[in-house]
PDB file of N, CA and C in Angstrom:
ATOM      1  N   MET A   1     -14.665 -27.514  33.599  1.00  0.00           N
ATOM      2  CA  MET A   1     -15.432 -27.584  32.365  1.00  0.00           C
ATOM      3  C   MET A   1     -15.633 -26.177  31.808  1.00  0.00           C
ATOM      4  N   LEU A   2     -15.508 -26.029  30.516  1.00  0.00           N
ATOM      5  CA  LEU A   2     -15.645 -24.731  29.889  1.00  0.00           C
ATOM      6  C   LEU A   2     -17.106 -24.342  29.759  1.00  0.00           C
ATOM      7  N   THR A   3     -17.376 -23.095  30.092  1.00  0.00           N
ATOM      8  CA  THR A   3     -18.725 -22.591  29.879  1.00  0.00           C
ATOM      9  C   THR A   3     -18.881 -22.250  28.411  1.00  0.00           C
ATOM     10  N   ARG A   4     -20.112 -22.062  28.018  1.00  0.00           N
ATOM     11  CA  ARG A   4     -20.400 -21.742  26.618  1.00  0.00           C
ATOM     12  C   ARG A   4     -19.704 -20.439  26.206  1.00  0.00           C
ATOM     13  N   ALA A   5     -19.689 -19.425  27.063  1.00  0.00           N
ATOM     14  CA  ALA A   5     -19.053 -18.142  26.753  1.00  0.00           C
ATOM     15  C   ALA A   5     -17.537 -18.308  26.616  1.00  0.00           C
ATOM     16  N   ARG A   6     -16.920 -19.066  27.523  1.00  0.00           N
ATOM     17  CA  ARG A   6     -15.476 -19.281  27.449  1.00  0.00           C
ATOM     18  C   ARG A   6     -15.111 -20.080  26.198  1.00  0.00           C
ATOM     19  N   LEU A   7     -15.921 -21.068  25.866  1.00  0.00           N
ATOM     20  CA  LEU A   7     -15.674 -21.860  24.669  1.00  0.00           C
ATOM     21  C   LEU A   7     -15.765 -20.981  23.427  1.00  0.00           C
ATOM     22  N   GLY A   8     -16.769 -20.108  23.384  1.00  0.00           N
ATOM     23  CA  GLY A   8     -16.914 -19.190  22.248  1.00  0.00           C
ATOM     24  C   GLY A   8     -15.729 -18.246  22.132  1.00  0.00           C
ATOM     25  N   ALA A   9     -15.280 -17.722  23.265  1.00  0.00           N
ATOM     26  CA  ALA A   9     -14.130 -16.821  23.259  1.00  0.00           C
ATOM     27  C   ALA A   9     -12.870 -17.559  22.810  1.00  0.00           C
ATOM     28  N   LEU A  10     -12.697 -18.779  23.285  1.00  0.00           N
ATOM     29  CA  LEU A  10     -11.542 -19.579  22.905  1.00  0.00           C
ATOM     30  C   LEU A  10     -11.546 -19.867  21.406  1.00  0.00           C
ATOM     31  N   MET A  11     -12.700 -20.176  20.864  1.00  0.00           N
ATOM     32  CA  MET A  11     -12.805 -20.438  19.427  1.00  0.00           C
ATOM     33  C   MET A  11     -12.501 -19.181  18.616  1.00  0.00           C
ATOM     34  N   THR A  12     -12.981 -18.023  19.078  1.00  0.00           N
ATOM     35  CA  THR A  12     -12.726 -16.764  18.380  1.00  0.00           C
ATOM     36  C   THR A  12     -11.238 -16.450  18.348  1.00  0.00           C
ATOM     37  N   VAL A  13     -10.583 -16.595  19.498  1.00  0.00           N
ATOM     38  CA  VAL A  13      -9.143 -16.344  19.569  1.00  0.00           C
ATOM     39  C   VAL A  13      -8.396 -17.320  18.660  1.00  0.00           C
ATOM     40  N   SER A  14      -8.796 -18.582  18.660  1.00  0.00           N
ATOM     41  CA  SER A  14      -8.140 -19.576  17.815  1.00  0.00           C
ATOM     42  C   SER A  14      -8.252 -19.218  16.340  1.00  0.00           C
ATOM     43  N   VAL A  15      -9.416 -18.781  15.912  1.00  0.00           N
ATOM     44  CA  VAL A  15      -9.622 -18.398  14.514  1.00  0.00           C
ATOM     45  C   VAL A  15      -8.754 -17.196  14.169  1.00  0.00           C
ATOM     46  N   LEU A  16      -8.686 -16.213  15.065  1.00  0.00           N
ATOM     47  CA  LEU A  16      -7.860 -15.038  14.806  1.00  0.00           C
ATOM     48  C   LEU A  16      -6.379 -15.407  14.717  1.00  0.00           C
ATOM     49  N   LEU A  17      -5.918 -16.289  15.589  1.00  0.00           N
ATOM     50  CA  LEU A  17      -4.522 -16.721  15.545  1.00  0.00           C
ATOM     51  C   LEU A  17      -4.219 -17.473  14.257  1.00  0.00           C
ATOM     52  N   LEU A  18      -5.113 -18.333  13.841  1.00  0.00           N
ATOM     53  CA  LEU A  18      -4.911 -19.069  12.594  1.00  0.00           C
ATOM     54  C   LEU A  18      -4.894 -18.128  11.397  1.00  0.00           C
ATOM     55  N   ALA A  19      -5.755 -17.128  11.416  1.00  0.00           N
ATOM     56  CA  ALA A  19      -5.783 -16.162  10.322  1.00  0.00           C
ATOM     57  C   ALA A  19      -4.493 -15.360  10.274  1.00  0.00           C
ATOM     58  N   ALA A  20      -3.952 -15.015  11.438  1.00  0.00           N
ATOM     59  CA  ALA A  20      -2.701 -14.264  11.495  1.00  0.00           C
ATOM     60  C   ALA A  20      -1.538 -15.107  11.003  1.00  0.00           C
ATOM     61  N   CYS A  21      -1.573 -16.401  11.255  1.00  0.00           N
ATOM     62  CA  CYS A  21      -0.484 -17.281  10.822  1.00  0.00           C
ATOM     63  C   CYS A  21      -0.562 -17.586   9.347  1.00  0.00           C
ATOM     64  N   GLY A  22      -1.739 -17.553   8.796  1.00  0.00           N
ATOM     65  CA  GLY A  22      -1.902 -17.830   7.376  1.00  0.00           C
ATOM     66  C   GLY A  22      -1.427 -16.638   6.598  1.00  0.00           C
ATOM     67  N   GLY A  23      -1.932 -16.406   5.476  1.00  0.00           N
ATOM     68  CA  GLY A  23      -1.530 -15.244   4.714  1.00  0.00           C
ATOM     69  C   GLY A  23      -1.013 -15.653   3.359  1.00  0.00           C
ATOM     70  N   ASP A  24      -0.673 -14.618   2.602  1.00  0.00           N
ATOM     71  CA  ASP A  24      -0.255 -14.871   1.243  1.00  0.00           C
ATOM     72  C   ASP A  24       1.243 -14.666   1.068  1.00  0.00           C
ATOM     73  N   ASP A  25       2.017 -14.833   2.129  1.00  0.00           N
ATOM     74  CA  ASP A  25       3.459 -14.687   2.030  1.00  0.00           C
ATOM     75  C   ASP A  25       4.011 -15.762   1.107  1.00  0.00           C
ATOM     76  N   ASP A  26       4.712 -15.311   0.090  1.00  0.00           N
ATOM     77  CA  ASP A  26       5.341 -16.227  -0.849  1.00  0.00           C
ATOM     78  C   ASP A  26       6.740 -16.527  -0.332  1.00  0.00           C
ATOM     79  N   PRO A  27       7.108 -17.792  -0.136  1.00  0.00           N
ATOM     80  CA  PRO A  27       8.425 -18.093   0.392  1.00  0.00           C
ATOM     81  C   PRO A  27       9.554 -17.835  -0.600  1.00  0.00           C
ATOM     82  N   THR A  28       9.221 -17.473  -1.829  1.00  0.00           N
ATOM     83  CA  THR A  28      10.234 -17.154  -2.834  1.00  0.00           C
ATOM     84  C   THR A  28      10.138 -15.678  -3.175  1.00  0.00           C
ATOM     85  N   ILE A  29      11.257 -14.986  -3.123  1.00  0.00           N
ATOM     86  CA  ILE A  29      11.286 -13.584  -3.529  1.00  0.00           C
ATOM     87  C   ILE A  29      11.641 -13.517  -4.995  1.00  0.00           C
ATOM     88  N   GLN A  30      10.931 -12.685  -5.721  1.00  0.00           N
ATOM     89  CA  GLN A  30      11.238 -12.439  -7.118  1.00  0.00           C
ATOM     90  C   GLN A  30      11.394 -10.935  -7.281  1.00  0.00           C
ATOM     91  N   PRO A  31      12.231 -10.494  -8.222  1.00  0.00           N
ATOM     92  CA  PRO A  31      12.452  -9.059  -8.377  1.00  0.00           C
ATOM     93  C   PRO A  31      11.177  -8.350  -8.795  1.00  0.00           C
ATOM     94  N   GLU A  32      10.960  -7.173  -8.218  1.00  0.00           N
ATOM     95  CA  GLU A  32       9.748  -6.420  -8.534  1.00  0.00           C
ATOM     96  C   GLU A  32       9.900  -5.589  -9.792  1.00  0.00           C
ATOM     97  N   ASN A  33      11.127  -5.185 -10.092  1.00  0.00           N
ATOM     98  CA  ASN A  33      11.288  -4.252 -11.192  1.00  0.00           C
ATOM     99  C   ASN A  33      11.491  -4.915 -12.548  1.00  0.00           C
ATOM    100  N   GLY A  34      11.698  -6.211 -12.600  1.00  0.00           N
ATOM    101  CA  GLY A  34      11.765  -6.936 -13.852  1.00  0.00           C
ATOM    102  C   GLY A  34      12.979  -6.632 -14.713  1.00  0.00           C
ATOM    103  N   GLY A  35      13.927  -5.925 -14.199  1.00  0.00           N
ATOM    104  CA  GLY A  35      15.129  -5.637 -14.970  1.00  0.00           C
ATOM    105  C   GLY A  35      15.966  -4.593 -14.275  1.00  0.00           C
ATOM    106  N   GLY A  36      17.147  -4.358 -14.786  1.00  0.00           N
ATOM    107  CA  GLY A  36      18.029  -3.389 -14.159  1.00  0.00           C
ATOM    108  C   GLY A  36      18.576  -3.942 -12.856  1.00  0.00           C
ATOM    109  N   ASP A  37      18.902  -3.052 -11.949  1.00  0.00           N
ATOM    110  CA  ASP A  37      19.516  -3.433 -10.685  1.00  0.00           C
ATOM    111  C   ASP A  37      18.435  -3.948  -9.730  1.00  0.00           C
ATOM    112  N   ALA A  38      18.394  -5.242  -9.523  1.00  0.00           N
ATOM    113  CA  ALA A  38      17.398  -5.831  -8.633  1.00  0.00           C
ATOM    114  C   ALA A  38      17.887  -5.720  -7.192  1.00  0.00           C
ATOM    115  N   ALA A  39      16.993  -5.417  -6.275  1.00  0.00           N
ATOM    116  CA  ALA A  39      17.334  -5.353  -4.854  1.00  0.00           C
ATOM    117  C   ALA A  39      16.278  -6.122  -4.086  1.00  0.00           C
ATOM    118  N   THR A  40      16.696  -6.795  -3.029  1.00  0.00           N
ATOM    119  CA  THR A  40      15.767  -7.585  -2.245  1.00  0.00           C
ATOM    120  C   THR A  40      16.279  -7.694  -0.819  1.00  0.00           C
ATOM    121  N   GLN A  41      15.528  -8.373   0.024  1.00  0.00           N
ATOM    122  CA  GLN A  41      15.903  -8.559   1.419  1.00  0.00           C
ATOM    123  C   GLN A  41      15.772 -10.019   1.806  1.00  0.00           C
ATOM    124  N   VAL A  42      16.745 -10.514   2.531  1.00  0.00           N
ATOM    125  CA  VAL A  42      16.687 -11.838   3.120  1.00  0.00           C
ATOM    126  C   VAL A  42      16.931 -11.630   4.610  1.00  0.00           C
ATOM    127  N   ALA A  43      15.870 -11.758   5.388  1.00  0.00           N
ATOM    128  CA  ALA A  43      15.988 -11.560   6.830  1.00  0.00           C
ATOM    129  C   ALA A  43      16.438 -12.850   7.495  1.00  0.00           C
ATOM    130  N   MET A  44      17.154 -12.687   8.574  1.00  0.00           N
ATOM    131  CA  MET A  44      17.583 -13.832   9.370  1.00  0.00           C
ATOM    132  C   MET A  44      16.802 -13.777  10.680  1.00  0.00           C
ATOM    133  N   VAL A  45      16.124 -14.859  10.969  1.00  0.00           N
ATOM    134  CA  VAL A  45      15.450 -15.008  12.248  1.00  0.00           C
ATOM    135  C   VAL A  45      16.021 -16.265  12.865  1.00  0.00           C
ATOM    136  N   ASP A  46      15.757 -16.488  14.104  1.00  0.00           N
ATOM    137  CA  ASP A  46      16.473 -17.557  14.775  1.00  0.00           C
ATOM    138  C   ASP A  46      16.307 -18.893  14.071  1.00  0.00           C
ATOM    139  N   ASN A  47      17.404 -19.291  13.448  1.00  0.00           N
ATOM    140  CA  ASN A  47      17.621 -20.567  12.775  1.00  0.00           C
ATOM    141  C   ASN A  47      16.910 -20.738  11.441  1.00  0.00           C
ATOM    142  N   ASN A  48      16.527 -19.627  10.790  1.00  0.00           N
ATOM    143  CA  ASN A  48      16.059 -19.739   9.414  1.00  0.00           C
ATOM    144  C   ASN A  48      16.158 -18.405   8.691  1.00  0.00           C
ATOM    145  N   PHE A  49      16.091 -18.478   7.371  1.00  0.00           N
ATOM    146  CA  PHE A  49      16.061 -17.301   6.525  1.00  0.00           C
ATOM    147  C   PHE A  49      14.629 -17.057   6.084  1.00  0.00           C
ATOM    148  N   ALA A  50      14.291 -15.786   5.904  1.00  0.00           N
ATOM    149  CA  ALA A  50      12.972 -15.435   5.401  1.00  0.00           C
ATOM    150  C   ALA A  50      13.164 -14.441   4.266  1.00  0.00           C
ATOM    151  N   PRO A  51      13.040 -14.894   3.023  1.00  0.00           N
ATOM    152  CA  PRO A  51      12.559 -16.182   2.557  1.00  0.00           C
ATOM    153  C   PRO A  51      13.695 -17.210   2.488  1.00  0.00           C
ATOM    154  N   SER A  52      13.275 -18.443   2.321  1.00  0.00           N
ATOM    155  CA  SER A  52      14.251 -19.525   2.210  1.00  0.00           C
ATOM    156  C   SER A  52      14.654 -19.790   0.767  1.00  0.00           C
ATOM    157  N   SER A  53      14.057 -19.073  -0.168  1.00  0.00           N
ATOM    158  CA  SER A  53      14.482 -19.168  -1.564  1.00  0.00           C
ATOM    159  C   SER A  53      14.258 -17.830  -2.257  1.00  0.00           C
ATOM    160  N   ILE A  54      15.165 -17.535  -3.183  1.00  0.00           N
ATOM    161  CA  ILE A  54      15.119 -16.286  -3.943  1.00  0.00           C
ATOM    162  C   ILE A  54      15.272 -16.648  -5.410  1.00  0.00           C
ATOM    163  N   GLU A  55      14.444 -16.059  -6.246  1.00  0.00           N
ATOM    164  CA  GLU A  55      14.585 -16.231  -7.696  1.00  0.00           C
ATOM    165  C   GLU A  55      14.838 -14.860  -8.306  1.00  0.00           C
ATOM    166  N   LEU A  56      16.000 -14.717  -8.947  1.00  0.00           N
ATOM    167  CA  LEU A  56      16.400 -13.447  -9.538  1.00  0.00           C
ATOM    168  C   LEU A  56      16.963 -13.688 -10.930  1.00  0.00           C
ATOM    169  N   PRO A  57      17.011 -12.640 -11.769  1.00  0.00           N
ATOM    170  CA  PRO A  57      17.510 -12.813 -13.128  1.00  0.00           C
ATOM    171  C   PRO A  57      19.007 -13.113 -13.156  1.00  0.00           C
ATOM    172  N   ALA A  58      19.389 -14.188 -13.804  1.00  0.00           N
ATOM    173  CA  ALA A  58      20.805 -14.540 -13.958  1.00  0.00           C
ATOM    174  C   ALA A  58      21.511 -13.425 -14.716  1.00  0.00           C
ATOM    175  N   GLY A  59      22.728 -13.119 -14.282  1.00  0.00           N
ATOM    176  CA  GLY A  59      23.519 -12.087 -14.928  1.00  0.00           C
ATOM    177  C   GLY A  59      23.292 -10.694 -14.392  1.00  0.00           C
ATOM    178  N   GLU A  60      22.259 -10.510 -13.560  1.00  0.00           N
ATOM    179  CA  GLU A  60      21.953  -9.198 -12.981  1.00  0.00           C
ATOM    180  C   GLU A  60      22.781  -8.963 -11.733  1.00  0.00           C
ATOM    181  N   GLU A  61      23.224  -7.733 -11.531  1.00  0.00           N
ATOM    182  CA  GLU A  61      23.859  -7.364 -10.275  1.00  0.00           C
ATOM    183  C   GLU A  61      22.738  -7.047  -9.279  1.00  0.00           C
ATOM    184  N   VAL A  62      22.806  -7.643  -8.113  1.00  0.00           N
ATOM    185  CA  VAL A  62      21.772  -7.444  -7.099  1.00  0.00           C
ATOM    186  C   VAL A  62      22.408  -7.007  -5.782  1.00  0.00           C
ATOM    187  N   THR A  63      21.623  -6.304  -5.008  1.00  0.00           N
ATOM    188  CA  THR A  63      22.007  -5.945  -3.648  1.00  0.00           C
ATOM    189  C   THR A  63      21.007  -6.593  -2.717  1.00  0.00           C
ATOM    190  N   ILE A  64      21.502  -7.396  -1.796  1.00  0.00           N
ATOM    191  CA  ILE A  64      20.649  -8.083  -0.831  1.00  0.00           C
ATOM    192  C   ILE A  64      20.865  -7.434   0.533  1.00  0.00           C
ATOM    193  N   SER A  65      19.792  -6.951   1.120  1.00  0.00           N
ATOM    194  CA  SER A  65      19.824  -6.450   2.491  1.00  0.00           C
ATOM    195  C   SER A  65      19.622  -7.644   3.413  1.00  0.00           C
ATOM    196  N   THR A  66      20.435  -7.756   4.463  1.00  0.00           N
ATOM    197  CA  THR A  66      20.388  -8.927   5.333  1.00  0.00           C
ATOM    198  C   THR A  66      20.208  -8.516   6.800  1.00  0.00           C
ATOM    199  N   PRO A  67      19.003  -8.115   7.186  1.00  0.00           N
ATOM    200  CA  PRO A  67      18.788  -7.777   8.594  1.00  0.00           C
ATOM    201  C   PRO A  67      18.693  -9.031   9.462  1.00  0.00           C
ATOM    202  N   ASN A  68      19.270  -8.971  10.649  1.00  0.00           N
ATOM    203  CA  ASN A  68      19.131 -10.064  11.608  1.00  0.00           C
ATOM    204  C   ASN A  68      17.996  -9.682  12.548  1.00  0.00           C
ATOM    205  N   ASN A  69      16.829 -10.257  12.307  1.00  0.00           N
ATOM    206  CA  ASN A  69      15.650  -9.978  13.118  1.00  0.00           C
ATOM    207  C   ASN A  69      15.520 -10.931  14.297  1.00  0.00           C
ATOM    208  N   GLY A  70      16.513 -11.773  14.492  1.00  0.00           N
ATOM    209  CA  GLY A  70      16.486 -12.739  15.589  1.00  0.00           C
ATOM    210  C   GLY A  70      17.353 -12.298  16.746  1.00  0.00           C
ATOM    211  N   GLN A  71      17.475 -13.163  17.723  1.00  0.00           N
ATOM    212  CA  GLN A  71      18.306 -12.914  18.893  1.00  0.00           C
ATOM    213  C   GLN A  71      19.719 -13.455  18.698  1.00  0.00           C
ATOM    214  N   ASN A  72      19.846 -14.550  17.959  1.00  0.00           N
ATOM    215  CA  ASN A  72      21.134 -15.210  17.773  1.00  0.00           C
ATOM    216  C   ASN A  72      21.947 -14.520  16.688  1.00  0.00           C
ATOM    217  N   PRO A  73      23.282 -14.579  16.767  1.00  0.00           N
ATOM    218  CA  PRO A  73      24.100 -14.065  15.667  1.00  0.00           C
ATOM    219  C   PRO A  73      23.955 -14.971  14.447  1.00  0.00           C
ATOM    220  N   HIS A  74      24.058 -14.379  13.246  1.00  0.00           N
ATOM    221  CA  HIS A  74      23.921 -15.111  11.989  1.00  0.00           C
ATOM    222  C   HIS A  74      24.869 -14.522  10.960  1.00  0.00           C
ATOM    223  N   SER A  75      24.969 -15.199   9.832  1.00  0.00           N
ATOM    224  CA  SER A  75      25.664 -14.645   8.670  1.00  0.00           C
ATOM    225  C   SER A  75      24.871 -15.008   7.426  1.00  0.00           C
ATOM    226  N   PHE A  76      25.161 -14.312   6.332  1.00  0.00           N
ATOM    227  CA  PHE A  76      24.621 -14.643   5.017  1.00  0.00           C
ATOM    228  C   PHE A  76      25.829 -14.926   4.151  1.00  0.00           C
ATOM    229  N   THR A  77      25.988 -16.185   3.744  1.00  0.00           N
ATOM    230  CA  THR A  77      27.198 -16.618   3.057  1.00  0.00           C
ATOM    231  C   THR A  77      26.848 -17.418   1.806  1.00  0.00           C
ATOM    232  N   ILE A  78      27.531 -17.090   0.706  1.00  0.00           N
ATOM    233  CA  ILE A  78      27.422 -17.858  -0.533  1.00  0.00           C
ATOM    234  C   ILE A  78      28.849 -18.187  -0.949  1.00  0.00           C
ATOM    235  N   ASP A  79      29.292 -19.396  -0.651  1.00  0.00           N
ATOM    236  CA  ASP A  79      30.668 -19.795  -0.939  1.00  0.00           C
ATOM    237  C   ASP A  79      31.013 -19.664  -2.420  1.00  0.00           C
ATOM    238  N   ASP A  80      30.110 -20.104  -3.305  1.00  0.00           N
ATOM    239  CA  ASP A  80      30.382 -20.109  -4.743  1.00  0.00           C
ATOM    240  C   ASP A  80      30.645 -18.712  -5.308  1.00  0.00           C
ATOM    241  N   LEU A  81      30.182 -17.663  -4.591  1.00  0.00           N
ATOM    242  CA  LEU A  81      30.330 -16.290  -5.080  1.00  0.00           C
ATOM    243  C   LEU A  81      31.275 -15.461  -4.211  1.00  0.00           C
ATOM    244  N   ASP A  82      31.912 -16.101  -3.240  1.00  0.00           N
ATOM    245  CA  ASP A  82      32.762 -15.388  -2.285  1.00  0.00           C
ATOM    246  C   ASP A  82      32.008 -14.256  -1.586  1.00  0.00           C
ATOM    247  N   VAL A  83      30.757 -14.522  -1.213  1.00  0.00           N
ATOM    248  CA  VAL A  83      29.927 -13.558  -0.492  1.00  0.00           C
ATOM    249  C   VAL A  83      29.839 -14.004   0.955  1.00  0.00           C
ATOM    250  N   ASP A  84      30.178 -13.106   1.873  1.00  0.00           N
ATOM    251  CA  ASP A  84      30.074 -13.419   3.305  1.00  0.00           C
ATOM    252  C   ASP A  84      29.924 -12.122   4.085  1.00  0.00           C
ATOM    253  N   THR A  85      28.826 -11.998   4.796  1.00  0.00           N
ATOM    254  CA  THR A  85      28.586 -10.791   5.582  1.00  0.00           C
ATOM    255  C   THR A  85      29.413 -10.761   6.855  1.00  0.00           C
ATOM    256  N   GLY A  86      29.988 -11.894   7.231  1.00  0.00           N
ATOM    257  CA  GLY A  86      30.564 -11.979   8.562  1.00  0.00           C
ATOM    258  C   GLY A  86      29.410 -12.125   9.547  1.00  0.00           C
ATOM    259  N   VAL A  87      29.719 -12.174  10.818  1.00  0.00           N
ATOM    260  CA  VAL A  87      28.680 -12.370  11.831  1.00  0.00           C
ATOM    261  C   VAL A  87      27.892 -11.074  12.021  1.00  0.00           C
ATOM    262  N   ILE A  88      26.566 -11.213  11.960  1.00  0.00           N
ATOM    263  CA  ILE A  88      25.649 -10.092  12.165  1.00  0.00           C
ATOM    264  C   ILE A  88      24.893 -10.360  13.464  1.00  0.00           C
ATOM    265  N   GLU A  89      25.023  -9.478  14.423  1.00  0.00           N
ATOM    266  CA  GLU A  89      24.345  -9.635  15.710  1.00  0.00           C
ATOM    267  C   GLU A  89      22.858  -9.304  15.569  1.00  0.00           C
ATOM    268  N   GLY A  90      22.043  -9.798  16.502  1.00  0.00           N
ATOM    269  CA  GLY A  90      20.612  -9.510  16.503  1.00  0.00           C
ATOM    270  C   GLY A  90      20.352  -8.011  16.475  1.00  0.00           C
ATOM    271  N   GLY A  91      19.435  -7.588  15.615  1.00  0.00           N
ATOM    272  CA  GLY A  91      19.087  -6.180  15.496  1.00  0.00           C
ATOM    273  C   GLY A  91      19.955  -5.408  14.517  1.00  0.00           C
ATOM    274  N   GLU A  92      21.033  -6.017  14.015  1.00  0.00           N
ATOM    275  CA  GLU A  92      21.905  -5.351  13.053  1.00  0.00           C
ATOM    276  C   GLU A  92      21.561  -5.793  11.635  1.00  0.00           C
ATOM    277  N   SER A  93      22.093  -5.065  10.659  1.00  0.00           N
ATOM    278  CA  SER A  93      21.825  -5.371   9.257  1.00  0.00           C
ATOM    279  C   SER A  93      23.027  -4.966   8.421  1.00  0.00           C
ATOM    280  N   THR A  94      23.166  -5.588   7.275  1.00  0.00           N
ATOM    281  CA  THR A  94      24.191  -5.211   6.310  1.00  0.00           C
ATOM    282  C   THR A  94      23.660  -5.523   4.917  1.00  0.00           C
ATOM    283  N   GLU A  95      24.454  -5.237   3.900  1.00  0.00           N
ATOM    284  CA  GLU A  95      24.083  -5.527   2.513  1.00  0.00           C
ATOM    285  C   GLU A  95      25.240  -6.211   1.811  1.00  0.00           C
ATOM    286  N   VAL A  96      24.902  -7.014   0.820  1.00  0.00           N
ATOM    287  CA  VAL A  96      25.897  -7.624  -0.062  1.00  0.00           C
ATOM    288  C   VAL A  96      25.449  -7.394  -1.501  1.00  0.00           C
ATOM    289  N   THR A  97      26.422  -7.199  -2.391  1.00  0.00           N
ATOM    290  CA  THR A  97      26.126  -6.992  -3.805  1.00  0.00           C
ATOM    291  C   THR A  97      26.933  -8.004  -4.612  1.00  0.00           C
ATOM    292  N   PHE A  98      26.260  -8.646  -5.563  1.00  0.00           N
ATOM    293  CA  PHE A  98      26.917  -9.649  -6.396  1.00  0.00           C
ATOM    294  C   PHE A  98      26.120  -9.836  -7.678  1.00  0.00           C
ATOM    295  N   THR A  99      26.722 -10.530  -8.630  1.00  0.00           N
ATOM    296  CA  THR A  99      26.045 -10.867  -9.881  1.00  0.00           C
ATOM    297  C   THR A  99      25.427 -12.254  -9.732  1.00  0.00           C
ATOM    298  N   VAL A 100      24.163 -12.367 -10.062  1.00  0.00           N
ATOM    299  CA  VAL A 100      23.419 -13.622  -9.906  1.00  0.00           C
ATOM    300  C   VAL A 100      23.889 -14.642 -10.942  1.00  0.00           C
ATOM    301  N   PRO A 101      24.348 -15.813 -10.479  1.00  0.00           N
ATOM    302  CA  PRO A 101      24.739 -16.861 -11.421  1.00  0.00           C
ATOM    303  C   PRO A 101      23.502 -17.598 -11.948  1.00  0.00           C
ATOM    304  N   GLU A 102      23.671 -18.298 -13.038  1.00  0.00           N
ATOM    305  CA  GLU A 102      22.575 -19.109 -13.570  1.00  0.00           C
ATOM    306  C   GLU A 102      22.459 -20.393 -12.753  1.00  0.00           C
ATOM    307  N   GLY A 103      21.233 -20.861 -12.571  1.00  0.00           N
ATOM    308  CA  GLY A 103      20.991 -22.102 -11.835  1.00  0.00           C
ATOM    309  C   GLY A 103      20.847 -21.870 -10.342  1.00  0.00           C
ATOM    310  N   GLU A 104      20.973 -22.953  -9.583  1.00  0.00           N
ATOM    311  CA  GLU A 104      20.763 -22.896  -8.135  1.00  0.00           C
ATOM    312  C   GLU A 104      22.085 -22.776  -7.383  1.00  0.00           C
ATOM    313  N   THR A 105      22.077 -21.913  -6.390  1.00  0.00           N
ATOM    314  CA  THR A 105      23.223 -21.689  -5.528  1.00  0.00           C
ATOM    315  C   THR A 105      22.715 -21.623  -4.095  1.00  0.00           C
ATOM    316  N   GLN A 106      23.435 -22.228  -3.181  1.00  0.00           N
ATOM    317  CA  GLN A 106      23.017 -22.249  -1.782  1.00  0.00           C
ATOM    318  C   GLN A 106      23.568 -21.042  -1.027  1.00  0.00           C
ATOM    319  N   TYR A 107      22.709 -20.440  -0.175  1.00  0.00           N
ATOM    320  CA  TYR A 107      23.198 -19.486   0.822  1.00  0.00           C
ATOM    321  C   TYR A 107      22.941 -20.094   2.188  1.00  0.00           C
ATOM    322  N   TYR A 108      23.780 -19.744   3.155  1.00  0.00           N
ATOM    323  CA  TYR A 108      23.655 -20.355   4.474  1.00  0.00           C
ATOM    324  C   TYR A 108      24.257 -19.460   5.547  1.00  0.00           C
ATOM    325  N   CYS A 109      24.054 -19.852   6.791  1.00  0.00           N
ATOM    326  CA  CYS A 109      24.599 -19.159   7.951  1.00  0.00           C
ATOM    327  C   CYS A 109      25.817 -19.941   8.443  1.00  0.00           C
ATOM    328  N   THR A 110      26.971 -19.286   8.509  1.00  0.00           N
ATOM    329  CA  THR A 110      28.175 -19.972   8.967  1.00  0.00           C
ATOM    330  C   THR A 110      28.132 -20.275  10.467  1.00  0.00           C
ATOM    331  N   VAL A 111      27.349 -19.512  11.216  1.00  0.00           N
ATOM    332  CA  VAL A 111      27.242 -19.748  12.662  1.00  0.00           C
ATOM    333  C   VAL A 111      26.523 -21.063  12.929  1.00  0.00           C
ATOM    334  N   HIS A 112      25.435 -21.314  12.195  1.00  0.00           N
ATOM    335  CA  HIS A 112      24.604 -22.501  12.432  1.00  0.00           C
ATOM    336  C   HIS A 112      24.893 -23.643  11.456  1.00  0.00           C
ATOM    337  N   GLY A 113      25.560 -23.356  10.356  1.00  0.00           N
ATOM    338  CA  GLY A 113      25.873 -24.381   9.376  1.00  0.00           C
ATOM    339  C   GLY A 113      24.756 -24.588   8.373  1.00  0.00           C
ATOM    340  N   ALA A 114      25.131 -25.059   7.189  1.00  0.00           N
ATOM    341  CA  ALA A 114      24.182 -25.255   6.097  1.00  0.00           C
ATOM    342  C   ALA A 114      23.135 -26.310   6.411  1.00  0.00           C
ATOM    343  N   GLU A 115      23.466 -27.268   7.266  1.00  0.00           N
ATOM    344  CA  GLU A 115      22.498 -28.317   7.614  1.00  0.00           C
ATOM    345  C   GLU A 115      21.334 -27.755   8.429  1.00  0.00           C
ATOM    346  N   VAL A 116      21.581 -26.673   9.154  1.00  0.00           N
ATOM    347  CA  VAL A 116      20.568 -26.100  10.054  1.00  0.00           C
ATOM    348  C   VAL A 116      19.882 -24.892   9.422  1.00  0.00           C
ATOM    349  N   MET A 117      20.671 -24.021   8.766  1.00  0.00           N
ATOM    350  CA  MET A 117      20.125 -22.748   8.299  1.00  0.00           C
ATOM    351  C   MET A 117      20.669 -22.433   6.907  1.00  0.00           C
ATOM    352  N   SER A 118      19.836 -22.696   5.887  1.00  0.00           N
ATOM    353  CA  SER A 118      20.259 -22.436   4.522  1.00  0.00           C
ATOM    354  C   SER A 118      19.074 -22.053   3.649  1.00  0.00           C
ATOM    355  N   GLY A 119      19.376 -21.573   2.468  1.00  0.00           N
ATOM    356  CA  GLY A 119      18.361 -21.233   1.502  1.00  0.00           C
ATOM    357  C   GLY A 119      18.920 -21.407   0.103  1.00  0.00           C
ATOM    358  N   THR A 120      18.075 -21.129  -0.907  1.00  0.00           N
ATOM    359  CA  THR A 120      18.465 -21.344  -2.293  1.00  0.00           C
ATOM    360  C   THR A 120      18.245 -20.082  -3.113  1.00  0.00           C
ATOM    361  N   LEU A 121      19.283 -19.676  -3.834  1.00  0.00           N
ATOM    362  CA  LEU A 121      19.220 -18.600  -4.807  1.00  0.00           C
ATOM    363  C   LEU A 121      19.138 -19.255  -6.180  1.00  0.00           C
ATOM    364  N   THR A 122      18.117 -18.878  -6.954  1.00  0.00           N
ATOM    365  CA  THR A 122      17.975 -19.417  -8.303  1.00  0.00           C
ATOM    366  C   THR A 122      18.101 -18.275  -9.305  1.00  0.00           C
ATOM    367  N   GLY A 123      19.075 -18.405 -10.181  1.00  0.00           N
ATOM    368  CA  GLY A 123      19.243 -17.440 -11.259  1.00  0.00           C
ATOM    369  C   GLY A 123      18.554 -17.988 -12.501  1.00  0.00           C
ATOM    370  N   ALA A 124      17.554 -17.269 -12.962  1.00  0.00           N
ATOM    371  CA  ALA A 124      16.771 -17.740 -14.111  1.00  0.00           C
ATOM    372  C   ALA A 124      16.883 -16.784 -15.279  1.00  0.00           C
TER     373      ALA A 124
END
């Protein structure tokens, strides 16, 4: 049975963990500079992209940094734009540059497949 002190400590730790998990992280990246050459980052962690969606200006040339922050190998691939980083090992990073198309385009990891690890680029 938990003592009152242990219960209080457990509740405090739980609140701190919940606060750390919450936050104001927006799952969609939008360009900060509002024009010109937009640059952003899409990190790969084990079996997902962070963020899972990107909104950038259509017609703009962008450079996406793609660090692999996970343990598993990953790629950042956009078939419609002929963009493919190739396999990126854990702890490594690369960049890709392309012109943002209008509308929605899927990016995915060729190692895990689009069904498991994908995201959406929206050119607006």
